[in-house]
Amino acid sequence: MVHEVSDQTGFFREIKSILKPDGKVFVIEPKFHVSKNDFEETLKVAQEAGLKP
């Protein structure tokens, strides 16, 4: 549950640093708990950390 992580940027940077070059990470949040806008913001943070959608 990424929305619970206080430093999402640091979290995604750490994920990026341990992924293999073509590695993938699957991010999913419960619809009833995280709005679409909040989820899109999480994806934006992941992109800014160097991950691709």
PDB file of N, CA and C in Angstrom:
ATOM      1  N   MET A   1       0.842  -1.171   0.000  1.00  0.00           N
ATOM      2  CA  MET A   1       0.000   0.000   0.000  1.00  0.00           C
ATOM      3  C   MET A   1       0.894   1.244   0.000  1.00  0.00           C
ATOM      4  N   VAL A   2       1.201   1.671  -1.185  1.00  0.00           N
ATOM      5  CA  VAL A   2       2.124   2.782  -1.374  1.00  0.00           C
ATOM      6  C   VAL A   2       1.591   4.063  -0.731  1.00  0.00           C
ATOM      7  N   HIS A   3       0.297   4.242  -0.695  1.00  0.00           N
ATOM      8  CA  HIS A   3      -0.252   5.478  -0.131  1.00  0.00           C
ATOM      9  C   HIS A   3       0.085   5.637   1.351  1.00  0.00           C
ATOM     10  N   GLU A   4       0.484   4.580   1.999  1.00  0.00           N
ATOM     11  CA  GLU A   4       0.837   4.623   3.425  1.00  0.00           C
ATOM     12  C   GLU A   4       2.314   5.011   3.647  1.00  0.00           C
ATOM     13  N   VAL A   5       3.110   5.007   2.588  1.00  0.00           N
ATOM     14  CA  VAL A   5       4.534   5.315   2.692  1.00  0.00           C
ATOM     15  C   VAL A   5       4.706   6.829   2.783  1.00  0.00           C
ATOM     16  N   SER A   6       5.395   7.290   3.807  1.00  0.00           N
ATOM     17  CA  SER A   6       5.537   8.738   4.003  1.00  0.00           C
ATOM     18  C   SER A   6       6.458   9.392   2.970  1.00  0.00           C
ATOM     19  N   ASP A   7       7.478   8.685   2.504  1.00  0.00           N
ATOM     20  CA  ASP A   7       8.410   9.222   1.505  1.00  0.00           C
ATOM     21  C   ASP A   7       8.298   8.385   0.232  1.00  0.00           C
ATOM     22  N   GLN A   8       7.271   8.672  -0.555  1.00  0.00           N
ATOM     23  CA  GLN A   8       7.052   7.887  -1.769  1.00  0.00           C
ATOM     24  C   GLN A   8       8.189   8.063  -2.771  1.00  0.00           C
ATOM     25  N   THR A   9       8.739   9.256  -2.858  1.00  0.00           N
ATOM     26  CA  THR A   9       9.853   9.480  -3.782  1.00  0.00           C
ATOM     27  C   THR A   9      11.028   8.582  -3.419  1.00  0.00           C
ATOM     28  N   GLY A  10      11.395   8.569  -2.154  1.00  0.00           N
ATOM     29  CA  GLY A  10      12.485   7.708  -1.695  1.00  0.00           C
ATOM     30  C   GLY A  10      12.174   6.239  -1.908  1.00  0.00           C
ATOM     31  N   PHE A  11      10.932   5.860  -1.665  1.00  0.00           N
ATOM     32  CA  PHE A  11      10.489   4.476  -1.864  1.00  0.00           C
ATOM     33  C   PHE A  11      10.689   4.053  -3.320  1.00  0.00           C
ATOM     34  N   PHE A  12      10.197   4.879  -4.245  1.00  0.00           N
ATOM     35  CA  PHE A  12      10.310   4.522  -5.659  1.00  0.00           C
ATOM     36  C   PHE A  12      11.757   4.583  -6.147  1.00  0.00           C
ATOM     37  N   ARG A  13      12.557   5.488  -5.611  1.00  0.00           N
ATOM     38  CA  ARG A  13      13.978   5.517  -5.976  1.00  0.00           C
ATOM     39  C   ARG A  13      14.671   4.235  -5.526  1.00  0.00           C
ATOM     40  N   GLU A  14      14.325   3.773  -4.337  1.00  0.00           N
ATOM     41  CA  GLU A  14      14.906   2.525  -3.837  1.00  0.00           C
ATOM     42  C   GLU A  14      14.473   1.344  -4.703  1.00  0.00           C
ATOM     43  N   ILE A  15      13.204   1.303  -5.068  1.00  0.00           N
ATOM     44  CA  ILE A  15      12.712   0.242  -5.962  1.00  0.00           C
ATOM     45  C   ILE A  15      13.500   0.278  -7.270  1.00  0.00           C
ATOM     46  N   LYS A  16      13.648   1.471  -7.839  1.00  0.00           N
ATOM     47  CA  LYS A  16      14.385   1.613  -9.107  1.00  0.00           C
ATOM     48  C   LYS A  16      15.822   1.112  -8.961  1.00  0.00           C
ATOM     49  N   SER A  17      16.437   1.385  -7.832  1.00  0.00           N
ATOM     50  CA  SER A  17      17.838   1.018  -7.643  1.00  0.00           C
ATOM     51  C   SER A  17      18.048  -0.489  -7.539  1.00  0.00           C
ATOM     52  N   ILE A  18      17.025  -1.231  -7.158  1.00  0.00           N
ATOM     53  CA  ILE A  18      17.192  -2.683  -7.010  1.00  0.00           C
ATOM     54  C   ILE A  18      16.600  -3.488  -8.161  1.00  0.00           C
ATOM     55  N   LEU A  19      15.862  -2.827  -9.056  1.00  0.00           N
ATOM     56  CA  LEU A  19      15.297  -3.530 -10.204  1.00  0.00           C
ATOM     57  C   LEU A  19      16.385  -3.842 -11.224  1.00  0.00           C
ATOM     58  N   LYS A  20      16.256  -4.981 -11.872  1.00  0.00           N
ATOM     59  CA  LYS A  20      17.121  -5.285 -12.997  1.00  0.00           C
ATOM     60  C   LYS A  20      16.784  -4.311 -14.123  1.00  0.00           C
ATOM     61  N   PRO A  21      17.655  -4.161 -15.124  1.00  0.00           N
ATOM     62  CA  PRO A  21      17.416  -3.178 -16.185  1.00  0.00           C
ATOM     63  C   PRO A  21      16.021  -3.245 -16.814  1.00  0.00           C
ATOM     64  N   ASP A  22      15.500  -4.418 -17.063  1.00  0.00           N
ATOM     65  CA  ASP A  22      14.151  -4.535 -17.631  1.00  0.00           C
ATOM     66  C   ASP A  22      13.145  -5.000 -16.583  1.00  0.00           C
ATOM     67  N   GLY A  23      13.481  -4.784 -15.309  1.00  0.00           N
ATOM     68  CA  GLY A  23      12.606  -5.219 -14.225  1.00  0.00           C
ATOM     69  C   GLY A  23      11.312  -4.432 -14.184  1.00  0.00           C
ATOM     70  N   LYS A  24      10.321  -5.017 -13.546  1.00  0.00           N
ATOM     71  CA  LYS A  24       9.009  -4.395 -13.445  1.00  0.00           C
ATOM     72  C   LYS A  24       8.536  -4.399 -12.007  1.00  0.00           C
ATOM     73  N   VAL A  25       7.753  -3.384 -11.688  1.00  0.00           N
ATOM     74  CA  VAL A  25       7.109  -3.310 -10.380  1.00  0.00           C
ATOM     75  C   VAL A  25       5.624  -3.081 -10.652  1.00  0.00           C
ATOM     76  N   PHE A  26       4.779  -3.785  -9.941  1.00  0.00           N
ATOM     77  CA  PHE A  26       3.336  -3.695 -10.110  1.00  0.00           C
ATOM     78  C   PHE A  26       2.773  -2.905  -8.941  1.00  0.00           C
ATOM     79  N   VAL A  27       2.182  -1.757  -9.243  1.00  0.00           N
ATOM     80  CA  VAL A  27       1.612  -0.907  -8.199  1.00  0.00           C
ATOM     81  C   VAL A  27       0.096  -0.946  -8.319  1.00  0.00           C
ATOM     82  N   ILE A  28      -0.552  -1.317  -7.257  1.00  0.00           N
ATOM     83  CA  ILE A  28      -2.011  -1.357  -7.228  1.00  0.00           C
ATOM     84  C   ILE A  28      -2.463  -0.875  -5.855  1.00  0.00           C
ATOM     85  N   GLU A  29      -3.542  -0.143  -5.849  1.00  0.00           N
ATOM     86  CA  GLU A  29      -4.112   0.365  -4.604  1.00  0.00           C
ATOM     87  C   GLU A  29      -5.600   0.016  -4.585  1.00  0.00           C
ATOM     88  N   PRO A  30      -6.165  -0.206  -3.407  1.00  0.00           N
ATOM     89  CA  PRO A  30      -7.594  -0.527  -3.338  1.00  0.00           C
ATOM     90  C   PRO A  30      -8.446   0.681  -3.729  1.00  0.00           C
ATOM     91  N   LYS A  31      -9.383   0.468  -4.658  1.00  0.00           N
ATOM     92  CA  LYS A  31     -10.243   1.542  -5.150  1.00  0.00           C
ATOM     93  C   LYS A  31     -11.009   2.239  -4.026  1.00  0.00           C
ATOM     94  N   PHE A  32     -11.434   1.478  -3.078  1.00  0.00           N
ATOM     95  CA  PHE A  32     -12.250   2.037  -1.995  1.00  0.00           C
ATOM     96  C   PHE A  32     -11.426   2.864  -1.012  1.00  0.00           C
ATOM     97  N   HIS A  33     -10.107   2.790  -1.140  1.00  0.00           N
ATOM     98  CA  HIS A  33      -9.220   3.445  -0.171  1.00  0.00           C
ATOM     99  C   HIS A  33      -8.430   4.606  -0.774  1.00  0.00           C
ATOM    100  N   VAL A  34      -8.192   4.550  -2.080  1.00  0.00           N
ATOM    101  CA  VAL A  34      -7.369   5.560  -2.756  1.00  0.00           C
ATOM    102  C   VAL A  34      -8.136   6.076  -3.975  1.00  0.00           C
ATOM    103  N   SER A  35      -8.311   7.384  -4.052  1.00  0.00           N
ATOM    104  CA  SER A  35      -9.039   7.963  -5.189  1.00  0.00           C
ATOM    105  C   SER A  35      -8.195   7.845  -6.469  1.00  0.00           C
ATOM    106  N   LYS A  36      -8.872   7.981  -7.593  1.00  0.00           N
ATOM    107  CA  LYS A  36      -8.175   7.925  -8.878  1.00  0.00           C
ATOM    108  C   LYS A  36      -7.117   9.025  -8.962  1.00  0.00           C
ATOM    109  N   ASN A  37      -7.453  10.226  -8.503  1.00  0.00           N
ATOM    110  CA  ASN A  37      -6.494  11.335  -8.527  1.00  0.00           C
ATOM    111  C   ASN A  37      -5.276  11.047  -7.662  1.00  0.00           C
ATOM    112  N   ASP A  38      -5.491  10.483  -6.478  1.00  0.00           N
ATOM    113  CA  ASP A  38      -4.367  10.140  -5.601  1.00  0.00           C
ATOM    114  C   ASP A  38      -3.494   9.063  -6.229  1.00  0.00           C
ATOM    115  N   PHE A  39      -4.127   8.091  -6.882  1.00  0.00           N
ATOM    116  CA  PHE A  39      -3.362   7.028  -7.541  1.00  0.00           C
ATOM    117  C   PHE A  39      -2.535   7.610  -8.688  1.00  0.00           C
ATOM    118  N   GLU A  40      -3.133   8.514  -9.454  1.00  0.00           N
ATOM    119  CA  GLU A  40      -2.399   9.146 -10.551  1.00  0.00           C
ATOM    120  C   GLU A  40      -1.222   9.959 -10.020  1.00  0.00           C
ATOM    121  N   GLU A  41      -1.394  10.574  -8.865  1.00  0.00           N
ATOM    122  CA  GLU A  41      -0.289  11.315  -8.237  1.00  0.00           C
ATOM    123  C   GLU A  41       0.835  10.355  -7.830  1.00  0.00           C
ATOM    124  N   THR A  42       0.469   9.189  -7.323  1.00  0.00           N
ATOM    125  CA  THR A  42       1.461   8.170  -6.969  1.00  0.00           C
ATOM    126  C   THR A  42       2.244   7.751  -8.211  1.00  0.00           C
ATOM    127  N   LEU A  43       1.538   7.550  -9.326  1.00  0.00           N
ATOM    128  CA  LEU A  43       2.218   7.174 -10.565  1.00  0.00           C
ATOM    129  C   LEU A  43       3.148   8.293 -11.037  1.00  0.00           C
ATOM    130  N   LYS A  44       2.748   9.539 -10.848  1.00  0.00           N
ATOM    131  CA  LYS A  44       3.588  10.680 -11.206  1.00  0.00           C
ATOM    132  C   LYS A  44       4.875  10.677 -10.388  1.00  0.00           C
ATOM    133  N   VAL A  45       4.748  10.406  -9.100  1.00  0.00           N
ATOM    134  CA  VAL A  45       5.928  10.332  -8.216  1.00  0.00           C
ATOM    135  C   VAL A  45       6.848   9.202  -8.685  1.00  0.00           C
ATOM    136  N   ALA A  46       6.269   8.066  -9.061  1.00  0.00           N
ATOM    137  CA  ALA A  46       7.067   6.938  -9.548  1.00  0.00           C
ATOM    138  C   ALA A  46       7.821   7.327 -10.824  1.00  0.00           C
ATOM    139  N   GLN A  47       7.161   8.044 -11.709  1.00  0.00           N
ATOM    140  CA  GLN A  47       7.827   8.487 -12.940  1.00  0.00           C
ATOM    141  C   GLN A  47       8.950   9.465 -12.632  1.00  0.00           C
ATOM    142  N   GLU A  48       8.714  10.367 -11.711  1.00  0.00           N
ATOM    143  CA  GLU A  48       9.749  11.331 -11.348  1.00  0.00           C
ATOM    144  C   GLU A  48      10.957  10.648 -10.697  1.00  0.00           C
ATOM    145  N   ALA A  49      10.729   9.475 -10.128  1.00  0.00           N
ATOM    146  CA  ALA A  49      11.824   8.701  -9.520  1.00  0.00           C
ATOM    147  C   ALA A  49      12.562   7.863 -10.558  1.00  0.00           C
ATOM    148  N   GLY A  50      12.096   7.907 -11.823  1.00  0.00           N
ATOM    149  CA  GLY A  50      12.805   7.209 -12.881  1.00  0.00           C
ATOM    150  C   GLY A  50      12.145   5.946 -13.395  1.00  0.00           C
ATOM    151  N   LEU A  51      10.956   5.638 -12.895  1.00  0.00           N
ATOM    152  CA  LEU A  51      10.234   4.464 -13.382  1.00  0.00           C
ATOM    153  C   LEU A  51       9.352   4.856 -14.560  1.00  0.00           C
ATOM    154  N   LYS A  52       9.091   3.903 -15.453  1.00  0.00           N
ATOM    155  CA  LYS A  52       8.239   4.157 -16.617  1.00  0.00           C
ATOM    156  C   LYS A  52       6.915   3.432 -16.443  1.00  0.00           C
ATOM    157  N   PRO A  53       5.812   4.070 -16.884  1.00  0.00           N
ATOM    158  CA  PRO A  53       4.504   3.386 -16.769  1.00  0.00           C
ATOM    159  C   PRO A  53       4.378   2.257 -17.777  1.00  0.00           C
TER     160      PRO A  53
END
